[in-house]
Amino acid sequence: MEPITGLTRGGAAWTPTFLVQLDQQTCIGCGRCFKVCPRDVFDLVEREADDDSYDDEDNAMVMSIANALDCIGCGSCSRVCPKQCHTHQPLSLNA
């Protein structure tokens, strides 16, 4: 299966990689990915409480994937993330 490819304005081949996962355990909730995303893929949510990781009064916020199908594969979110929370993959066409 061949991945979807496109051309840049200068004519160079480009393969978009689409968001498939966000690691909320690593996310610090800075909101940088939310701010740079042109398609509203992210949403800020309350961190899910682990057994011993956080106390009951901690209401830390983290990013979540709200609209994964709206991702255009630009990779802006992963470039601005200080914790490298995002996982991307190219999309393959069915042959």
PDB file of N, CA and C in Angstrom:
ATOM      1  N   MET A   1       0.837  -1.177   0.000  1.00  0.00           N
ATOM      2  CA  MET A   1       0.000   0.000   0.000  1.00  0.00           C
ATOM      3  C   MET A   1       0.882   1.241   0.000  1.00  0.00           C
ATOM      4  N   GLU A   2       0.580   2.147  -0.859  1.00  0.00           N
ATOM      5  CA  GLU A   2       1.314   3.406  -0.995  1.00  0.00           C
ATOM      6  C   GLU A   2       0.690   4.474  -0.098  1.00  0.00           C
ATOM      7  N   PRO A   3       1.527   5.223   0.608  1.00  0.00           N
ATOM      8  CA  PRO A   3       0.976   6.317   1.419  1.00  0.00           C
ATOM      9  C   PRO A   3       0.505   7.460   0.531  1.00  0.00           C
ATOM     10  N   ILE A   4      -0.447   8.216   1.032  1.00  0.00           N
ATOM     11  CA  ILE A   4      -0.920   9.404   0.331  1.00  0.00           C
ATOM     12  C   ILE A   4       0.230  10.403   0.283  1.00  0.00           C
ATOM     13  N   THR A   5       0.492  10.942  -0.883  1.00  0.00           N
ATOM     14  CA  THR A   5       1.525  11.963  -1.020  1.00  0.00           C
ATOM     15  C   THR A   5       0.949  13.154  -1.758  1.00  0.00           C
ATOM     16  N   GLY A   6       1.613  14.269  -1.599  1.00  0.00           N
ATOM     17  CA  GLY A   6       1.220  15.495  -2.285  1.00  0.00           C
ATOM     18  C   GLY A   6       2.462  16.218  -2.737  1.00  0.00           C
ATOM     19  N   LEU A   7       2.272  17.422  -3.222  1.00  0.00           N
ATOM     20  CA  LEU A   7       3.388  18.256  -3.652  1.00  0.00           C
ATOM     21  C   LEU A   7       3.369  19.568  -2.887  1.00  0.00           C
ATOM     22  N   THR A   8       4.552  20.029  -2.543  1.00  0.00           N
ATOM     23  CA  THR A   8       4.647  21.351  -1.943  1.00  0.00           C
ATOM     24  C   THR A   8       4.494  22.391  -3.049  1.00  0.00           C
ATOM     25  N   ARG A   9       4.406  23.623  -2.689  1.00  0.00           N
ATOM     26  CA  ARG A   9       4.294  24.695  -3.676  1.00  0.00           C
ATOM     27  C   ARG A   9       5.493  24.697  -4.619  1.00  0.00           C
ATOM     28  N   GLY A  10       6.654  24.307  -4.086  1.00  0.00           N
ATOM     29  CA  GLY A  10       7.871  24.247  -4.891  1.00  0.00           C
ATOM     30  C   GLY A  10       7.995  22.989  -5.727  1.00  0.00           C
ATOM     31  N   GLY A  11       7.051  22.060  -5.604  1.00  0.00           N
ATOM     32  CA  GLY A  11       7.050  20.856  -6.412  1.00  0.00           C
ATOM     33  C   GLY A  11       7.690  19.639  -5.761  1.00  0.00           C
ATOM     34  N   ALA A  12       8.139  19.765  -4.521  1.00  0.00           N
ATOM     35  CA  ALA A  12       8.741  18.629  -3.824  1.00  0.00           C
ATOM     36  C   ALA A  12       7.648  17.698  -3.298  1.00  0.00           C
ATOM     37  N   ALA A  13       7.921  16.399  -3.322  1.00  0.00           N
ATOM     38  CA  ALA A  13       6.961  15.421  -2.792  1.00  0.00           C
ATOM     39  C   ALA A  13       6.866  15.575  -1.285  1.00  0.00           C
ATOM     40  N   TRP A  14       5.664  15.417  -0.747  1.00  0.00           N
ATOM     41  CA  TRP A  14       5.413  15.549   0.678  1.00  0.00           C
ATOM     42  C   TRP A  14       4.413  14.481   1.097  1.00  0.00           C
ATOM     43  N   THR A  15       4.709  13.769   2.182  1.00  0.00           N
ATOM     44  CA  THR A  15       3.809  12.753   2.722  1.00  0.00           C
ATOM     45  C   THR A  15       3.266  13.253   4.058  1.00  0.00           C
ATOM     46  N   PRO A  16       1.976  13.573   4.119  1.00  0.00           N
ATOM     47  CA  PRO A  16       1.409  14.026   5.390  1.00  0.00           C
ATOM     48  C   PRO A  16       1.339  12.868   6.382  1.00  0.00           C
ATOM     49  N   THR A  17       1.549  13.174   7.649  1.00  0.00           N
ATOM     50  CA  THR A  17       1.396  12.175   8.700  1.00  0.00           C
ATOM     51  C   THR A  17       0.298  12.662   9.629  1.00  0.00           C
ATOM     52  N   PHE A  18      -0.667  11.816   9.862  1.00  0.00           N
ATOM     53  CA  PHE A  18      -1.871  12.190  10.587  1.00  0.00           C
ATOM     54  C   PHE A  18      -1.810  11.758  12.044  1.00  0.00           C
ATOM     55  N   LEU A  19      -2.396  12.554  12.917  1.00  0.00           N
ATOM     56  CA  LEU A  19      -2.417  12.280  14.345  1.00  0.00           C
ATOM     57  C   LEU A  19      -3.208  11.012  14.622  1.00  0.00           C
ATOM     58  N   VAL A  20      -2.595  10.073  15.344  1.00  0.00           N
ATOM     59  CA  VAL A  20      -3.283   8.831  15.697  1.00  0.00           C
ATOM     60  C   VAL A  20      -3.356   8.618  17.207  1.00  0.00           C
ATOM     61  N   GLN A  21      -2.485   9.309  17.970  1.00  0.00           N
ATOM     62  CA  GLN A  21      -2.484   9.101  19.411  1.00  0.00           C
ATOM     63  C   GLN A  21      -1.870  10.304  20.115  1.00  0.00           C
ATOM     64  N   LEU A  22      -2.341  10.551  21.343  1.00  0.00           N
ATOM     65  CA  LEU A  22      -1.792  11.589  22.197  1.00  0.00           C
ATOM     66  C   LEU A  22      -1.587  10.974  23.578  1.00  0.00           C
ATOM     67  N   ASP A  23      -0.372  11.040  24.093  1.00  0.00           N
ATOM     68  CA  ASP A  23      -0.042  10.452  25.389  1.00  0.00           C
ATOM     69  C   ASP A  23      -0.396  11.430  26.506  1.00  0.00           C
ATOM     70  N   GLN A  24      -1.527  11.205  27.172  1.00  0.00           N
ATOM     71  CA  GLN A  24      -1.977  12.104  28.238  1.00  0.00           C
ATOM     72  C   GLN A  24      -1.131  11.977  29.497  1.00  0.00           C
ATOM     73  N   GLN A  25      -0.405  10.886  29.659  1.00  0.00           N
ATOM     74  CA  GLN A  25       0.464  10.734  30.823  1.00  0.00           C
ATOM     75  C   GLN A  25       1.671  11.678  30.714  1.00  0.00           C
ATOM     76  N   THR A  26       2.089  11.969  29.501  1.00  0.00           N
ATOM     77  CA  THR A  26       3.229  12.843  29.265  1.00  0.00           C
ATOM     78  C   THR A  26       2.801  14.305  29.112  1.00  0.00           C
ATOM     79  N   CYS A  27       1.582  14.530  28.646  1.00  0.00           N
ATOM     80  CA  CYS A  27       1.072  15.882  28.373  1.00  0.00           C
ATOM     81  C   CYS A  27       1.058  16.738  29.636  1.00  0.00           C
ATOM     82  N   ILE A  28       1.498  17.995  29.493  1.00  0.00           N
ATOM     83  CA  ILE A  28       1.480  18.940  30.610  1.00  0.00           C
ATOM     84  C   ILE A  28       0.351  19.966  30.484  1.00  0.00           C
ATOM     85  N   GLY A  29      -0.458  19.846  29.435  1.00  0.00           N
ATOM     86  CA  GLY A  29      -1.602  20.735  29.264  1.00  0.00           C
ATOM     87  C   GLY A  29      -1.245  22.163  28.916  1.00  0.00           C
ATOM     88  N   CYS A  30      -0.117  22.361  28.242  1.00  0.00           N
ATOM     89  CA  CYS A  30       0.331  23.723  27.921  1.00  0.00           C
ATOM     90  C   CYS A  30      -0.555  24.388  26.860  1.00  0.00           C
ATOM     91  N   GLY A  31      -1.216  23.604  26.023  1.00  0.00           N
ATOM     92  CA  GLY A  31      -2.121  24.149  25.013  1.00  0.00           C
ATOM     93  C   GLY A  31      -1.468  24.601  23.728  1.00  0.00           C
ATOM     94  N   ARG A  32      -0.176  24.384  23.572  1.00  0.00           N
ATOM     95  CA  ARG A  32       0.505  24.821  22.351  1.00  0.00           C
ATOM     96  C   ARG A  32      -0.060  24.128  21.112  1.00  0.00           C
ATOM     97  N   CYS A  33      -0.311  22.824  21.210  1.00  0.00           N
ATOM     98  CA  CYS A  33      -0.858  22.099  20.055  1.00  0.00           C
ATOM     99  C   CYS A  33      -2.258  22.607  19.709  1.00  0.00           C
ATOM    100  N   PHE A  34      -3.038  22.907  20.730  1.00  0.00           N
ATOM    101  CA  PHE A  34      -4.378  23.451  20.534  1.00  0.00           C
ATOM    102  C   PHE A  34      -4.329  24.772  19.776  1.00  0.00           C
ATOM    103  N   LYS A  35      -3.356  25.611  20.136  1.00  0.00           N
ATOM    104  CA  LYS A  35      -3.244  26.937  19.534  1.00  0.00           C
ATOM    105  C   LYS A  35      -2.789  26.897  18.075  1.00  0.00           C
ATOM    106  N   VAL A  36      -1.923  25.949  17.723  1.00  0.00           N
ATOM    107  CA  VAL A  36      -1.407  25.925  16.348  1.00  0.00           C
ATOM    108  C   VAL A  36      -2.249  25.088  15.399  1.00  0.00           C
ATOM    109  N   CYS A  37      -3.128  24.248  15.923  1.00  0.00           N
ATOM    110  CA  CYS A  37      -3.924  23.371  15.059  1.00  0.00           C
ATOM    111  C   CYS A  37      -4.959  24.185  14.271  1.00  0.00           C
ATOM    112  N   PRO A  38      -4.911  24.116  12.934  1.00  0.00           N
ATOM    113  CA  PRO A  38      -5.862  24.885  12.132  1.00  0.00           C
ATOM    114  C   PRO A  38      -7.232  24.224  11.998  1.00  0.00           C
ATOM    115  N   ARG A  39      -7.397  23.010  12.558  1.00  0.00           N
ATOM    116  CA  ARG A  39      -8.619  22.243  12.323  1.00  0.00           C
ATOM    117  C   ARG A  39      -9.385  21.847  13.582  1.00  0.00           C
ATOM    118  N   ASP A  40      -9.060  22.400  14.739  1.00  0.00           N
ATOM    119  CA  ASP A  40      -9.770  22.084  15.989  1.00  0.00           C
ATOM    120  C   ASP A  40      -9.769  20.585  16.299  1.00  0.00           C
ATOM    121  N   VAL A  41      -8.603  19.960  16.149  1.00  0.00           N
ATOM    122  CA  VAL A  41      -8.470  18.523  16.418  1.00  0.00           C
ATOM    123  C   VAL A  41      -8.430  18.253  17.923  1.00  0.00           C
ATOM    124  N   PHE A  42      -7.960  19.213  18.720  1.00  0.00           N
ATOM    125  CA  PHE A  42      -7.728  19.002  20.148  1.00  0.00           C
ATOM    126  C   PHE A  42      -8.789  19.641  21.029  1.00  0.00           C
ATOM    127  N   ASP A  43      -8.850  19.124  22.259  1.00  0.00           N
ATOM    128  CA  ASP A  43      -9.722  19.684  23.283  1.00  0.00           C
ATOM    129  C   ASP A  43      -8.998  19.568  24.620  1.00  0.00           C
ATOM    130  N   LEU A  44      -9.156  20.558  25.481  1.00  0.00           N
ATOM    131  CA  LEU A  44      -8.550  20.540  26.800  1.00  0.00           C
ATOM    132  C   LEU A  44      -9.537  19.891  27.764  1.00  0.00           C
ATOM    133  N   VAL A  45      -9.101  18.830  28.441  1.00  0.00           N
ATOM    134  CA  VAL A  45      -9.971  18.086  29.347  1.00  0.00           C
ATOM    135  C   VAL A  45      -9.282  17.903  30.693  1.00  0.00           C
ATOM    136  N   GLU A  46     -10.043  17.528  31.691  1.00  0.00           N
ATOM    137  CA  GLU A  46      -9.487  17.250  33.004  1.00  0.00           C
ATOM    138  C   GLU A  46      -8.741  15.923  32.960  1.00  0.00           C
ATOM    139  N   ARG A  47      -7.561  15.904  33.565  1.00  0.00           N
ATOM    140  CA  ARG A  47      -6.750  14.684  33.589  1.00  0.00           C
ATOM    141  C   ARG A  47      -7.488  13.602  34.367  1.00  0.00           C
ATOM    142  N   GLU A  48      -7.484  12.373  33.807  1.00  0.00           N
ATOM    143  CA  GLU A  48      -8.090  11.248  34.508  1.00  0.00           C
ATOM    144  C   GLU A  48      -7.218  10.888  35.692  1.00  0.00           C
ATOM    145  N   ALA A  49      -7.825  10.726  36.839  1.00  0.00           N
ATOM    146  CA  ALA A  49      -7.071  10.420  38.057  1.00  0.00           C
ATOM    147  C   ALA A  49      -6.592   8.976  38.040  1.00  0.00           C
ATOM    148  N   ASP A  50      -5.304   8.795  38.295  1.00  0.00           N
ATOM    149  CA  ASP A  50      -4.738   7.463  38.456  1.00  0.00           C
ATOM    150  C   ASP A  50      -4.892   7.061  39.915  1.00  0.00           C
ATOM    151  N   ASP A  51      -4.490   5.852  40.231  1.00  0.00           N
ATOM    152  CA  ASP A  51      -4.613   5.364  41.603  1.00  0.00           C
ATOM    153  C   ASP A  51      -3.882   6.259  42.598  1.00  0.00           C
ATOM    154  N   ASP A  52      -2.568   6.440  42.407  1.00  0.00           N
ATOM    155  CA  ASP A  52      -1.784   7.198  43.368  1.00  0.00           C
ATOM    156  C   ASP A  52      -1.111   8.421  42.765  1.00  0.00           C
ATOM    157  N   SER A  53      -1.287   8.670  41.477  1.00  0.00           N
ATOM    158  CA  SER A  53      -0.554   9.746  40.819  1.00  0.00           C
ATOM    159  C   SER A  53      -1.001  11.130  41.257  1.00  0.00           C
ATOM    160  N   TYR A  54      -2.279  11.295  41.486  1.00  0.00           N
ATOM    161  CA  TYR A  54      -2.813  12.617  41.802  1.00  0.00           C
ATOM    162  C   TYR A  54      -3.778  12.500  42.962  1.00  0.00           C
ATOM    163  N   ASP A  55      -3.836  13.540  43.775  1.00  0.00           N
ATOM    164  CA  ASP A  55      -4.814  13.518  44.857  1.00  0.00           C
ATOM    165  C   ASP A  55      -6.179  13.948  44.329  1.00  0.00           C
ATOM    166  N   ASP A  56      -7.203  13.802  45.153  1.00  0.00           N
ATOM    167  CA  ASP A  56      -8.578  14.067  44.721  1.00  0.00           C
ATOM    168  C   ASP A  56      -8.825  15.525  44.362  1.00  0.00           C
ATOM    169  N   GLU A  57      -8.058  16.447  44.936  1.00  0.00           N
ATOM    170  CA  GLU A  57      -8.293  17.863  44.695  1.00  0.00           C
ATOM    171  C   GLU A  57      -7.523  18.396  43.494  1.00  0.00           C
ATOM    172  N   ASP A  58      -6.676  17.587  42.904  1.00  0.00           N
ATOM    173  CA  ASP A  58      -5.899  18.013  41.741  1.00  0.00           C
ATOM    174  C   ASP A  58      -6.793  17.956  40.507  1.00  0.00           C
ATOM    175  N   ASN A  59      -6.927  19.069  39.811  1.00  0.00           N
ATOM    176  CA  ASN A  59      -7.747  19.092  38.606  1.00  0.00           C
ATOM    177  C   ASN A  59      -6.898  19.536  37.409  1.00  0.00           C
ATOM    178  N   ALA A  60      -5.742  18.897  37.256  1.00  0.00           N
ATOM    179  CA  ALA A  60      -4.844  19.228  36.152  1.00  0.00           C
ATOM    180  C   ALA A  60      -5.543  18.969  34.818  1.00  0.00           C
ATOM    181  N   MET A  61      -5.253  19.827  33.861  1.00  0.00           N
ATOM    182  CA  MET A  61      -5.854  19.704  32.540  1.00  0.00           C
ATOM    183  C   MET A  61      -4.824  19.161  31.558  1.00  0.00           C
ATOM    184  N   VAL A  62      -5.283  18.389  30.603  1.00  0.00           N
ATOM    185  CA  VAL A  62      -4.437  17.835  29.553  1.00  0.00           C
ATOM    186  C   VAL A  62      -5.190  17.909  28.231  1.00  0.00           C
ATOM    187  N   MET A  63      -4.466  17.748  27.148  1.00  0.00           N
ATOM    188  CA  MET A  63      -5.094  17.755  25.835  1.00  0.00           C
ATOM    189  C   MET A  63      -5.655  16.373  25.533  1.00  0.00           C
ATOM    190  N   SER A  64      -6.681  16.337  24.718  1.00  0.00           N
ATOM    191  CA  SER A  64      -7.227  15.086  24.207  1.00  0.00           C
ATOM    192  C   SER A  64      -7.538  15.290  22.727  1.00  0.00           C
ATOM    193  N   ILE A  65      -7.724  14.205  22.028  1.00  0.00           N
ATOM    194  CA  ILE A  65      -8.071  14.270  20.613  1.00  0.00           C
ATOM    195  C   ILE A  65      -9.585  14.336  20.517  1.00  0.00           C
ATOM    196  N   ALA A  66     -10.090  15.448  20.031  1.00  0.00           N
ATOM    197  CA  ALA A  66     -11.529  15.647  19.922  1.00  0.00           C
ATOM    198  C   ALA A  66     -12.058  15.286  18.532  1.00  0.00           C
ATOM    199  N   ASN A  67     -11.301  15.630  17.494  1.00  0.00           N
ATOM    200  CA  ASN A  67     -11.750  15.421  16.115  1.00  0.00           C
ATOM    201  C   ASN A  67     -10.603  14.883  15.264  1.00  0.00           C
ATOM    202  N   ALA A  68     -10.200  13.650  15.498  1.00  0.00           N
ATOM    203  CA  ALA A  68      -9.053  13.066  14.790  1.00  0.00           C
ATOM    204  C   ALA A  68      -9.246  13.054  13.278  1.00  0.00           C
ATOM    205  N   LEU A  69     -10.471  12.899  12.820  1.00  0.00           N
ATOM    206  CA  LEU A  69     -10.720  12.836  11.381  1.00  0.00           C
ATOM    207  C   LEU A  69     -10.570  14.185  10.694  1.00  0.00           C
ATOM    208  N   ASP A  70     -10.455  15.267  11.471  1.00  0.00           N
ATOM    209  CA  ASP A  70     -10.239  16.590  10.898  1.00  0.00           C
ATOM    210  C   ASP A  70      -8.760  16.919  10.711  1.00  0.00           C
ATOM    211  N   CYS A  71      -7.862  16.046  11.187  1.00  0.00           N
ATOM    212  CA  CYS A  71      -6.422  16.265  11.049  1.00  0.00           C
ATOM    213  C   CYS A  71      -6.042  16.299   9.567  1.00  0.00           C
ATOM    214  N   ILE A  72      -5.239  17.302   9.180  1.00  0.00           N
ATOM    215  CA  ILE A  72      -4.803  17.412   7.783  1.00  0.00           C
ATOM    216  C   ILE A  72      -3.368  16.934   7.585  1.00  0.00           C
ATOM    217  N   GLY A  73      -2.736  16.470   8.653  1.00  0.00           N
ATOM    218  CA  GLY A  73      -1.404  15.893   8.533  1.00  0.00           C
ATOM    219  C   GLY A  73      -0.269  16.891   8.438  1.00  0.00           C
ATOM    220  N   CYS A  74      -0.464  18.101   8.935  1.00  0.00           N
ATOM    221  CA  CYS A  74       0.569  19.126   8.819  1.00  0.00           C
ATOM    222  C   CYS A  74       1.700  18.930   9.824  1.00  0.00           C
ATOM    223  N   GLY A  75       1.423  18.292  10.962  1.00  0.00           N
ATOM    224  CA  GLY A  75       2.447  18.038  11.966  1.00  0.00           C
ATOM    225  C   GLY A  75       2.789  19.216  12.849  1.00  0.00           C
ATOM    226  N   SER A  76       2.031  20.288  12.767  1.00  0.00           N
ATOM    227  CA  SER A  76       2.320  21.471  13.588  1.00  0.00           C
ATOM    228  C   SER A  76       2.280  21.148  15.071  1.00  0.00           C
ATOM    229  N   CYS A  77       1.348  20.317  15.469  1.00  0.00           N
ATOM    230  CA  CYS A  77       1.193  20.001  16.892  1.00  0.00           C
ATOM    231  C   CYS A  77       2.440  19.330  17.462  1.00  0.00           C
ATOM    232  N   SER A  78       3.019  18.413  16.727  1.00  0.00           N
ATOM    233  CA  SER A  78       4.191  17.716  17.255  1.00  0.00           C
ATOM    234  C   SER A  78       5.428  18.601  17.252  1.00  0.00           C
ATOM    235  N   ARG A  79       5.478  19.573  16.352  1.00  0.00           N
ATOM    236  CA  ARG A  79       6.634  20.468  16.312  1.00  0.00           C
ATOM    237  C   ARG A  79       6.659  21.445  17.485  1.00  0.00           C
ATOM    238  N   VAL A  80       5.495  21.798  18.024  1.00  0.00           N
ATOM    239  CA  VAL A  80       5.466  22.754  19.139  1.00  0.00           C
ATOM    240  C   VAL A  80       5.369  22.086  20.502  1.00  0.00           C
ATOM    241  N   CYS A  81       5.169  20.791  20.550  1.00  0.00           N
ATOM    242  CA  CYS A  81       4.989  20.085  21.824  1.00  0.00           C
ATOM    243  C   CYS A  81       6.330  19.910  22.545  1.00  0.00           C
ATOM    244  N   PRO A  82       6.462  20.464  23.760  1.00  0.00           N
ATOM    245  CA  PRO A  82       7.720  20.323  24.492  1.00  0.00           C
ATOM    246  C   PRO A  82       7.930  18.927  25.068  1.00  0.00           C
ATOM    247  N   LYS A  83       6.900  18.099  25.123  1.00  0.00           N
ATOM    248  CA  LYS A  83       6.992  16.763  25.717  1.00  0.00           C
ATOM    249  C   LYS A  83       6.859  15.638  24.695  1.00  0.00           C
ATOM    250  N   GLN A  84       6.721  15.974  23.418  1.00  0.00           N
ATOM    251  CA  GLN A  84       6.608  14.973  22.340  1.00  0.00           C
ATOM    252  C   GLN A  84       5.491  13.964  22.624  1.00  0.00           C
ATOM    253  N   CYS A  85       4.301  14.464  22.870  1.00  0.00           N
ATOM    254  CA  CYS A  85       3.152  13.628  23.240  1.00  0.00           C
ATOM    255  C   CYS A  85       2.414  13.019  22.052  1.00  0.00           C
ATOM    256  N   HIS A  86       2.670  13.511  20.853  1.00  0.00           N
ATOM    257  CA  HIS A  86       1.871  13.143  19.696  1.00  0.00           C
ATOM    258  C   HIS A  86       2.511  12.014  18.887  1.00  0.00           C
ATOM    259  N   THR A  87       1.667  11.124  18.381  1.00  0.00           N
ATOM    260  CA  THR A  87       2.099  10.054  17.485  1.00  0.00           C
ATOM    261  C   THR A  87       1.360  10.243  16.164  1.00  0.00           C
ATOM    262  N   HIS A  88       2.124  10.250  15.076  1.00  0.00           N
ATOM    263  CA  HIS A  88       1.553  10.438  13.743  1.00  0.00           C
ATOM    264  C   HIS A  88       1.908   9.253  12.852  1.00  0.00           C
ATOM    265  N   GLN A  89       1.063   8.993  11.851  1.00  0.00           N
ATOM    266  CA  GLN A  89       1.318   7.963  10.857  1.00  0.00           C
ATOM    267  C   GLN A  89       0.809   8.449   9.507  1.00  0.00           C
ATOM    268  N   PRO A  90       1.487   8.034   8.421  1.00  0.00           N
ATOM    269  CA  PRO A  90       0.953   8.352   7.099  1.00  0.00           C
ATOM    270  C   PRO A  90      -0.289   7.513   6.835  1.00  0.00           C
ATOM    271  N   LEU A  91      -1.135   8.003   5.983  1.00  0.00           N
ATOM    272  CA  LEU A  91      -2.354   7.295   5.598  1.00  0.00           C
ATOM    273  C   LEU A  91      -2.099   6.596   4.276  1.00  0.00           C
ATOM    274  N   SER A  92      -2.390   5.315   4.219  1.00  0.00           N
ATOM    275  CA  SER A  92      -2.147   4.560   2.994  1.00  0.00           C
ATOM    276  C   SER A  92      -3.425   4.384   2.205  1.00  0.00           C
ATOM    277  N   LEU A  93      -3.278   4.433   0.897  1.00  0.00           N
ATOM    278  CA  LEU A  93      -4.397   4.150   0.009  1.00  0.00           C
ATOM    279  C   LEU A  93      -4.528   2.647  -0.146  1.00  0.00           C
ATOM    280  N   ASN A  94      -5.750   2.176  -0.233  1.00  0.00           N
ATOM    281  CA  ASN A  94      -5.964   0.747  -0.466  1.00  0.00           C
ATOM    282  C   ASN A  94      -5.672   0.435  -1.918  1.00  0.00           C
ATOM    283  N   ALA A  95      -4.785  -0.516  -2.120  1.00  0.00           N
ATOM    284  CA  ALA A  95      -4.407  -0.874  -3.495  1.00  0.00           C
ATOM    285  C   ALA A  95      -5.296  -1.953  -4.041  1.00  0.00           C
TER     286      ALA A  95
END
